[in-house]
Amino acid sequence: MPIRSMASNFGVYSPIDLNFLQGIYDEATVELTALDDMTMTDIAQVLLDAHRSGVRDREELLGIATSALYRRTA
């Protein structure tokens, strides 16, 4: 669970926020069978950064994660 393991580095998150962000991470990466640790960390960091900066819309966060994932794996 990359989100939970990294969240402590990005401030205080409620369990609801962590579950919300983890769900988005899982959805963004569902079709990928293998991600290296660096990619997993990068995608989690992008989500945490966006959430911390005020983005709360699920679809917007999913788009941010998907775009970051595409850039990372393309």
PDB file of N, CA and C in Angstrom:
ATOM      1  N   MET A   1       0.829  -1.184   0.000  1.00  0.00           N
ATOM      2  CA  MET A   1       0.000   0.000   0.000  1.00  0.00           C
ATOM      3  C   MET A   1       0.872   1.245   0.000  1.00  0.00           C
ATOM      4  N   PRO A   2       1.233   1.712  -1.146  1.00  0.00           N
ATOM      5  CA  PRO A   2       2.133   2.860  -1.226  1.00  0.00           C
ATOM      6  C   PRO A   2       1.596   4.115  -0.558  1.00  0.00           C
ATOM      7  N   ILE A   3       0.300   4.362  -0.653  1.00  0.00           N
ATOM      8  CA  ILE A   3      -0.253   5.586  -0.076  1.00  0.00           C
ATOM      9  C   ILE A   3      -0.053   5.603   1.433  1.00  0.00           C
ATOM     10  N   ARG A   4      -0.423   4.538   2.098  1.00  0.00           N
ATOM     11  CA  ARG A   4      -0.296   4.492   3.564  1.00  0.00           C
ATOM     12  C   ARG A   4       1.159   4.593   4.005  1.00  0.00           C
ATOM     13  N   SER A   5       2.038   3.940   3.294  1.00  0.00           N
ATOM     14  CA  SER A   5       3.441   3.951   3.711  1.00  0.00           C
ATOM     15  C   SER A   5       4.090   5.315   3.496  1.00  0.00           C
ATOM     16  N   MET A   6       3.606   6.084   2.547  1.00  0.00           N
ATOM     17  CA  MET A   6       4.200   7.394   2.262  1.00  0.00           C
ATOM     18  C   MET A   6       3.495   8.550   2.956  1.00  0.00           C
ATOM     19  N   ALA A   7       2.270   8.353   3.385  1.00  0.00           N
ATOM     20  CA  ALA A   7       1.455   9.457   3.902  1.00  0.00           C
ATOM     21  C   ALA A   7       2.111  10.180   5.064  1.00  0.00           C
ATOM     22  N   SER A   8       2.820   9.471   5.911  1.00  0.00           N
ATOM     23  CA  SER A   8       3.431  10.123   7.072  1.00  0.00           C
ATOM     24  C   SER A   8       4.460  11.168   6.658  1.00  0.00           C
ATOM     25  N   ASN A   9       5.008  11.046   5.466  1.00  0.00           N
ATOM     26  CA  ASN A   9       5.973  12.035   4.969  1.00  0.00           C
ATOM     27  C   ASN A   9       5.294  13.294   4.441  1.00  0.00           C
ATOM     28  N   PHE A  10       3.978  13.244   4.280  1.00  0.00           N
ATOM     29  CA  PHE A  10       3.240  14.333   3.650  1.00  0.00           C
ATOM     30  C   PHE A  10       2.237  14.994   4.591  1.00  0.00           C
ATOM     31  N   GLY A  11       2.329  14.755   5.855  1.00  0.00           N
ATOM     32  CA  GLY A  11       1.414  15.379   6.794  1.00  0.00           C
ATOM     33  C   GLY A  11       0.446  14.377   7.394  1.00  0.00           C
ATOM     34  N   VAL A  12      -0.583  14.910   8.025  1.00  0.00           N
ATOM     35  CA  VAL A  12      -1.559  14.079   8.710  1.00  0.00           C
ATOM     36  C   VAL A  12      -2.757  13.845   7.794  1.00  0.00           C
ATOM     37  N   TYR A  13      -3.095  12.581   7.617  1.00  0.00           N
ATOM     38  CA  TYR A  13      -4.239  12.193   6.803  1.00  0.00           C
ATOM     39  C   TYR A  13      -5.173  11.343   7.644  1.00  0.00           C
ATOM     40  N   SER A  14      -6.455  11.550   7.462  1.00  0.00           N
ATOM     41  CA  SER A  14      -7.432  10.721   8.162  1.00  0.00           C
ATOM     42  C   SER A  14      -7.504   9.360   7.475  1.00  0.00           C
ATOM     43  N   PRO A  15      -8.013   8.354   8.179  1.00  0.00           N
ATOM     44  CA  PRO A  15      -8.200   7.050   7.540  1.00  0.00           C
ATOM     45  C   PRO A  15      -9.107   7.147   6.300  1.00  0.00           C
ATOM     46  N   ILE A  16     -10.079   8.042   6.336  1.00  0.00           N
ATOM     47  CA  ILE A  16     -10.971   8.223   5.182  1.00  0.00           C
ATOM     48  C   ILE A  16     -10.179   8.743   3.984  1.00  0.00           C
ATOM     49  N   ASP A  17      -9.315   9.748   4.218  1.00  0.00           N
ATOM     50  CA  ASP A  17      -8.474  10.276   3.136  1.00  0.00           C
ATOM     51  C   ASP A  17      -7.550   9.200   2.589  1.00  0.00           C
ATOM     52  N   LEU A  18      -6.949   8.421   3.470  1.00  0.00           N
ATOM     53  CA  LEU A  18      -6.031   7.365   3.023  1.00  0.00           C
ATOM     54  C   LEU A  18      -6.754   6.318   2.189  1.00  0.00           C
ATOM     55  N   ASN A  19      -7.939   5.912   2.620  1.00  0.00           N
ATOM     56  CA  ASN A  19      -8.713   4.938   1.844  1.00  0.00           C
ATOM     57  C   ASN A  19      -9.126   5.518   0.496  1.00  0.00           C
ATOM     58  N   PHE A  20      -9.536   6.781   0.491  1.00  0.00           N
ATOM     59  CA  PHE A  20      -9.918   7.478  -0.727  1.00  0.00           C
ATOM     60  C   PHE A  20      -8.763   7.505  -1.725  1.00  0.00           C
ATOM     61  N   LEU A  21      -7.589   7.928  -1.260  1.00  0.00           N
ATOM     62  CA  LEU A  21      -6.413   8.028  -2.135  1.00  0.00           C
ATOM     63  C   LEU A  21      -5.920   6.654  -2.568  1.00  0.00           C
ATOM     64  N   GLN A  22      -5.970   5.682  -1.669  1.00  0.00           N
ATOM     65  CA  GLN A  22      -5.543   4.331  -2.036  1.00  0.00           C
ATOM     66  C   GLN A  22      -6.458   3.757  -3.109  1.00  0.00           C
ATOM     67  N   GLY A  23      -7.757   4.025  -3.003  1.00  0.00           N
ATOM     68  CA  GLY A  23      -8.702   3.562  -4.013  1.00  0.00           C
ATOM     69  C   GLY A  23      -8.404   4.149  -5.384  1.00  0.00           C
ATOM     70  N   ILE A  24      -8.051   5.428  -5.404  1.00  0.00           N
ATOM     71  CA  ILE A  24      -7.695   6.077  -6.667  1.00  0.00           C
ATOM     72  C   ILE A  24      -6.407   5.469  -7.221  1.00  0.00           C
ATOM     73  N   TYR A  25      -5.435   5.272  -6.368  1.00  0.00           N
ATOM     74  CA  TYR A  25      -4.176   4.644  -6.783  1.00  0.00           C
ATOM     75  C   TYR A  25      -4.458   3.257  -7.377  1.00  0.00           C
ATOM     76  N   ASP A  26      -5.255   2.478  -6.672  1.00  0.00           N
ATOM     77  CA  ASP A  26      -5.578   1.120  -7.144  1.00  0.00           C
ATOM     78  C   ASP A  26      -6.278   1.154  -8.492  1.00  0.00           C
ATOM     79  N   GLU A  27      -7.195   2.086  -8.660  1.00  0.00           N
ATOM     80  CA  GLU A  27      -7.918   2.194  -9.931  1.00  0.00           C
ATOM     81  C   GLU A  27      -6.986   2.610 -11.070  1.00  0.00           C
ATOM     82  N   ALA A  28      -6.081   3.530 -10.785  1.00  0.00           N
ATOM     83  CA  ALA A  28      -5.150   4.006 -11.817  1.00  0.00           C
ATOM     84  C   ALA A  28      -4.185   2.914 -12.261  1.00  0.00           C
ATOM     85  N   THR A  29      -3.870   1.998 -11.359  1.00  0.00           N
ATOM     86  CA  THR A  29      -2.853   0.983 -11.660  1.00  0.00           C
ATOM     87  C   THR A  29      -3.438  -0.410 -11.890  1.00  0.00           C
ATOM     88  N   VAL A  30      -4.752  -0.527 -11.945  1.00  0.00           N
ATOM     89  CA  VAL A  30      -5.407  -1.833 -12.004  1.00  0.00           C
ATOM     90  C   VAL A  30      -4.969  -2.675 -13.203  1.00  0.00           C
ATOM     91  N   GLU A  31      -4.704  -2.072 -14.322  1.00  0.00           N
ATOM     92  CA  GLU A  31      -4.371  -2.849 -15.521  1.00  0.00           C
ATOM     93  C   GLU A  31      -2.881  -3.176 -15.640  1.00  0.00           C
ATOM     94  N   LEU A  32      -2.102  -2.697 -14.724  1.00  0.00           N
ATOM     95  CA  LEU A  32      -0.658  -2.953 -14.771  1.00  0.00           C
ATOM     96  C   LEU A  32      -0.333  -4.119 -13.860  1.00  0.00           C
ATOM     97  N   THR A  33       0.346  -5.100 -14.410  1.00  0.00           N
ATOM     98  CA  THR A  33       0.650  -6.287 -13.619  1.00  0.00           C
ATOM     99  C   THR A  33       1.891  -6.121 -12.766  1.00  0.00           C
ATOM    100  N   ALA A  34       2.819  -5.294 -13.198  1.00  0.00           N
ATOM    101  CA  ALA A  34       4.044  -5.120 -12.418  1.00  0.00           C
ATOM    102  C   ALA A  34       4.517  -3.675 -12.493  1.00  0.00           C
ATOM    103  N   LEU A  35       4.668  -3.083 -11.345  1.00  0.00           N
ATOM    104  CA  LEU A  35       5.225  -1.733 -11.260  1.00  0.00           C
ATOM    105  C   LEU A  35       6.472  -1.796 -10.400  1.00  0.00           C
ATOM    106  N   ASP A  36       7.513  -1.130 -10.847  1.00  0.00           N
ATOM    107  CA  ASP A  36       8.708  -1.099 -10.013  1.00  0.00           C
ATOM    108  C   ASP A  36       8.458  -0.155  -8.837  1.00  0.00           C
ATOM    109  N   ASP A  37       9.272  -0.291  -7.809  1.00  0.00           N
ATOM    110  CA  ASP A  37       9.092   0.497  -6.592  1.00  0.00           C
ATOM    111  C   ASP A  37       9.140   1.997  -6.855  1.00  0.00           C
ATOM    112  N   MET A  38      10.000   2.429  -7.746  1.00  0.00           N
ATOM    113  CA  MET A  38      10.129   3.853  -8.025  1.00  0.00           C
ATOM    114  C   MET A  38       8.839   4.397  -8.652  1.00  0.00           C
ATOM    115  N   THR A  39       8.263   3.659  -9.575  1.00  0.00           N
ATOM    116  CA  THR A  39       7.017   4.093 -10.203  1.00  0.00           C
ATOM    117  C   THR A  39       5.891   4.123  -9.187  1.00  0.00           C
ATOM    118  N   MET A  40       5.780   3.097  -8.363  1.00  0.00           N
ATOM    119  CA  MET A  40       4.759   3.067  -7.322  1.00  0.00           C
ATOM    120  C   MET A  40       4.887   4.279  -6.406  1.00  0.00           C
ATOM    121  N   THR A  41       6.095   4.585  -6.010  1.00  0.00           N
ATOM    122  CA  THR A  41       6.346   5.722  -5.126  1.00  0.00           C
ATOM    123  C   THR A  41       6.005   7.031  -5.816  1.00  0.00           C
ATOM    124  N   ASP A  42       6.384   7.166  -7.075  1.00  0.00           N
ATOM    125  CA  ASP A  42       6.107   8.399  -7.816  1.00  0.00           C
ATOM    126  C   ASP A  42       4.601   8.653  -7.946  1.00  0.00           C
ATOM    127  N   ILE A  43       3.845   7.636  -8.262  1.00  0.00           N
ATOM    128  CA  ILE A  43       2.403   7.800  -8.435  1.00  0.00           C
ATOM    129  C   ILE A  43       1.760   8.148  -7.095  1.00  0.00           C
ATOM    130  N   ALA A  44       2.167   7.477  -6.040  1.00  0.00           N
ATOM    131  CA  ALA A  44       1.642   7.800  -4.708  1.00  0.00           C
ATOM    132  C   ALA A  44       1.981   9.239  -4.329  1.00  0.00           C
ATOM    133  N   GLN A  45       3.196   9.658  -4.617  1.00  0.00           N
ATOM    134  CA  GLN A  45       3.612  11.021  -4.289  1.00  0.00           C
ATOM    135  C   GLN A  45       2.795  12.051  -5.061  1.00  0.00           C
ATOM    136  N   VAL A  46       2.536  11.787  -6.324  1.00  0.00           N
ATOM    137  CA  VAL A  46       1.729  12.699  -7.149  1.00  0.00           C
ATOM    138  C   VAL A  46       0.331  12.842  -6.543  1.00  0.00           C
ATOM    139  N   LEU A  47      -0.270  11.737  -6.145  1.00  0.00           N
ATOM    140  CA  LEU A  47      -1.599  11.791  -5.537  1.00  0.00           C
ATOM    141  C   LEU A  47      -1.588  12.554  -4.220  1.00  0.00           C
ATOM    142  N   LEU A  48      -0.625  12.259  -3.380  1.00  0.00           N
ATOM    143  CA  LEU A  48      -0.537  12.947  -2.093  1.00  0.00           C
ATOM    144  C   LEU A  48      -0.283  14.440  -2.275  1.00  0.00           C
ATOM    145  N   ASP A  49       0.576  14.797  -3.213  1.00  0.00           N
ATOM    146  CA  ASP A  49       0.843  16.216  -3.497  1.00  0.00           C
ATOM    147  C   ASP A  49      -0.419  16.934  -3.974  1.00  0.00           C
ATOM    148  N   ALA A  50      -1.143  16.307  -4.892  1.00  0.00           N
ATOM    149  CA  ALA A  50      -2.358  16.924  -5.427  1.00  0.00           C
ATOM    150  C   ALA A  50      -3.403  17.093  -4.320  1.00  0.00           C
ATOM    151  N   HIS A  51      -3.567  16.073  -3.514  1.00  0.00           N
ATOM    152  CA  HIS A  51      -4.541  16.142  -2.422  1.00  0.00           C
ATOM    153  C   HIS A  51      -4.139  17.223  -1.420  1.00  0.00           C
ATOM    154  N   ARG A  52      -2.886  17.270  -1.089  1.00  0.00           N
ATOM    155  CA  ARG A  52      -2.385  18.271  -0.134  1.00  0.00           C
ATOM    156  C   ARG A  52      -2.565  19.685  -0.682  1.00  0.00           C
ATOM    157  N   SER A  53      -2.496  19.838  -2.000  1.00  0.00           N
ATOM    158  CA  SER A  53      -2.650  21.168  -2.594  1.00  0.00           C
ATOM    159  C   SER A  53      -4.119  21.557  -2.781  1.00  0.00           C
ATOM    160  N   GLY A  54      -5.035  20.667  -2.383  1.00  0.00           N
ATOM    161  CA  GLY A  54      -6.444  21.022  -2.386  1.00  0.00           C
ATOM    162  C   GLY A  54      -7.332  20.293  -3.366  1.00  0.00           C
ATOM    163  N   VAL A  55      -6.778  19.435  -4.196  1.00  0.00           N
ATOM    164  CA  VAL A  55      -7.599  18.692  -5.157  1.00  0.00           C
ATOM    165  C   VAL A  55      -8.337  17.594  -4.383  1.00  0.00           C
ATOM    166  N   ARG A  56      -9.670  17.602  -4.479  1.00  0.00           N
ATOM    167  CA  ARG A  56     -10.483  16.621  -3.762  1.00  0.00           C
ATOM    168  C   ARG A  56     -11.402  15.818  -4.676  1.00  0.00           C
ATOM    169  N   ASP A  57     -11.536  16.244  -5.915  1.00  0.00           N
ATOM    170  CA  ASP A  57     -12.409  15.564  -6.860  1.00  0.00           C
ATOM    171  C   ASP A  57     -11.786  14.242  -7.304  1.00  0.00           C
ATOM    172  N   ARG A  58     -12.540  13.158  -7.135  1.00  0.00           N
ATOM    173  CA  ARG A  58     -12.034  11.815  -7.457  1.00  0.00           C
ATOM    174  C   ARG A  58     -11.586  11.705  -8.909  1.00  0.00           C
ATOM    175  N   GLU A  59     -12.408  12.173  -9.829  1.00  0.00           N
ATOM    176  CA  GLU A  59     -12.068  12.061 -11.247  1.00  0.00           C
ATOM    177  C   GLU A  59     -10.835  12.891 -11.590  1.00  0.00           C
ATOM    178  N   GLU A  60     -10.708  14.045 -10.990  1.00  0.00           N
ATOM    179  CA  GLU A  60      -9.532  14.875 -11.242  1.00  0.00           C
ATOM    180  C   GLU A  60      -8.276  14.201 -10.701  1.00  0.00           C
ATOM    181  N   LEU A  61      -8.361  13.648  -9.498  1.00  0.00           N
ATOM    182  CA  LEU A  61      -7.213  12.937  -8.923  1.00  0.00           C
ATOM    183  C   LEU A  61      -6.862  11.702  -9.751  1.00  0.00           C
ATOM    184  N   LEU A  62      -7.869  10.998 -10.221  1.00  0.00           N
ATOM    185  CA  LEU A  62      -7.623   9.824 -11.068  1.00  0.00           C
ATOM    186  C   LEU A  62      -6.926  10.248 -12.353  1.00  0.00           C
ATOM    187  N   GLY A  63      -7.361  11.348 -12.937  1.00  0.00           N
ATOM    188  CA  GLY A  63      -6.708  11.863 -14.137  1.00  0.00           C
ATOM    189  C   GLY A  63      -5.261  12.245 -13.885  1.00  0.00           C
ATOM    190  N   ILE A  64      -5.012  12.856 -12.757  1.00  0.00           N
ATOM    191  CA  ILE A  64      -3.638  13.241 -12.394  1.00  0.00           C
ATOM    192  C   ILE A  64      -2.774  11.994 -12.248  1.00  0.00           C
ATOM    193  N   ALA A  65      -3.280  10.994 -11.547  1.00  0.00           N
ATOM    194  CA  ALA A  65      -2.522   9.755 -11.347  1.00  0.00           C
ATOM    195  C   ALA A  65      -2.290   9.021 -12.657  1.00  0.00           C
ATOM    196  N   THR A  66      -3.316   8.954 -13.481  1.00  0.00           N
ATOM    197  CA  THR A  66      -3.205   8.260 -14.765  1.00  0.00           C
ATOM    198  C   THR A  66      -2.213   8.955 -15.678  1.00  0.00           C
ATOM    199  N   SER A  67      -2.255  10.284 -15.715  1.00  0.00           N
ATOM    200  CA  SER A  67      -1.296  11.043 -16.534  1.00  0.00           C
ATOM    201  C   SER A  67       0.131  10.820 -16.055  1.00  0.00           C
ATOM    202  N   ALA A  68       0.319  10.857 -14.750  1.00  0.00           N
ATOM    203  CA  ALA A  68       1.664  10.643 -14.189  1.00  0.00           C
ATOM    204  C   ALA A  68       2.142   9.225 -14.496  1.00  0.00           C
ATOM    205  N   LEU A  69       1.248   8.278 -14.407  1.00  0.00           N
ATOM    206  CA  LEU A  69       1.593   6.888 -14.698  1.00  0.00           C
ATOM    207  C   LEU A  69       1.958   6.717 -16.157  1.00  0.00           C
ATOM    208  N   TYR A  70       1.190   7.343 -17.026  1.00  0.00           N
ATOM    209  CA  TYR A  70       1.476   7.274 -18.466  1.00  0.00           C
ATOM    210  C   TYR A  70       2.857   7.867 -18.766  1.00  0.00           C
ATOM    211  N   ARG A  71       3.135   9.027 -18.186  1.00  0.00           N
ATOM    212  CA  ARG A  71       4.453   9.657 -18.413  1.00  0.00           C
ATOM    213  C   ARG A  71       5.577   8.771 -17.894  1.00  0.00           C
ATOM    214  N   ARG A  72       5.335   8.099 -16.813  1.00  0.00           N
ATOM    215  CA  ARG A  72       6.356   7.263 -16.171  1.00  0.00           C
ATOM    216  C   ARG A  72       6.614   5.966 -16.948  1.00  0.00           C
ATOM    217  N   THR A  73       5.567   5.425 -17.562  1.00  0.00           N
ATOM    218  CA  THR A  73       5.709   4.119 -18.222  1.00  0.00           C
ATOM    219  C   THR A  73       5.806   4.216 -19.735  1.00  0.00           C
ATOM    220  N   ALA A  74       5.645   5.404 -20.291  1.00  0.00           N
ATOM    221  CA  ALA A  74       5.690   5.559 -21.753  1.00  0.00           C
ATOM    222  C   ALA A  74       7.107   5.540 -22.283  1.00  0.00           C
TER     223      ALA A  74
END
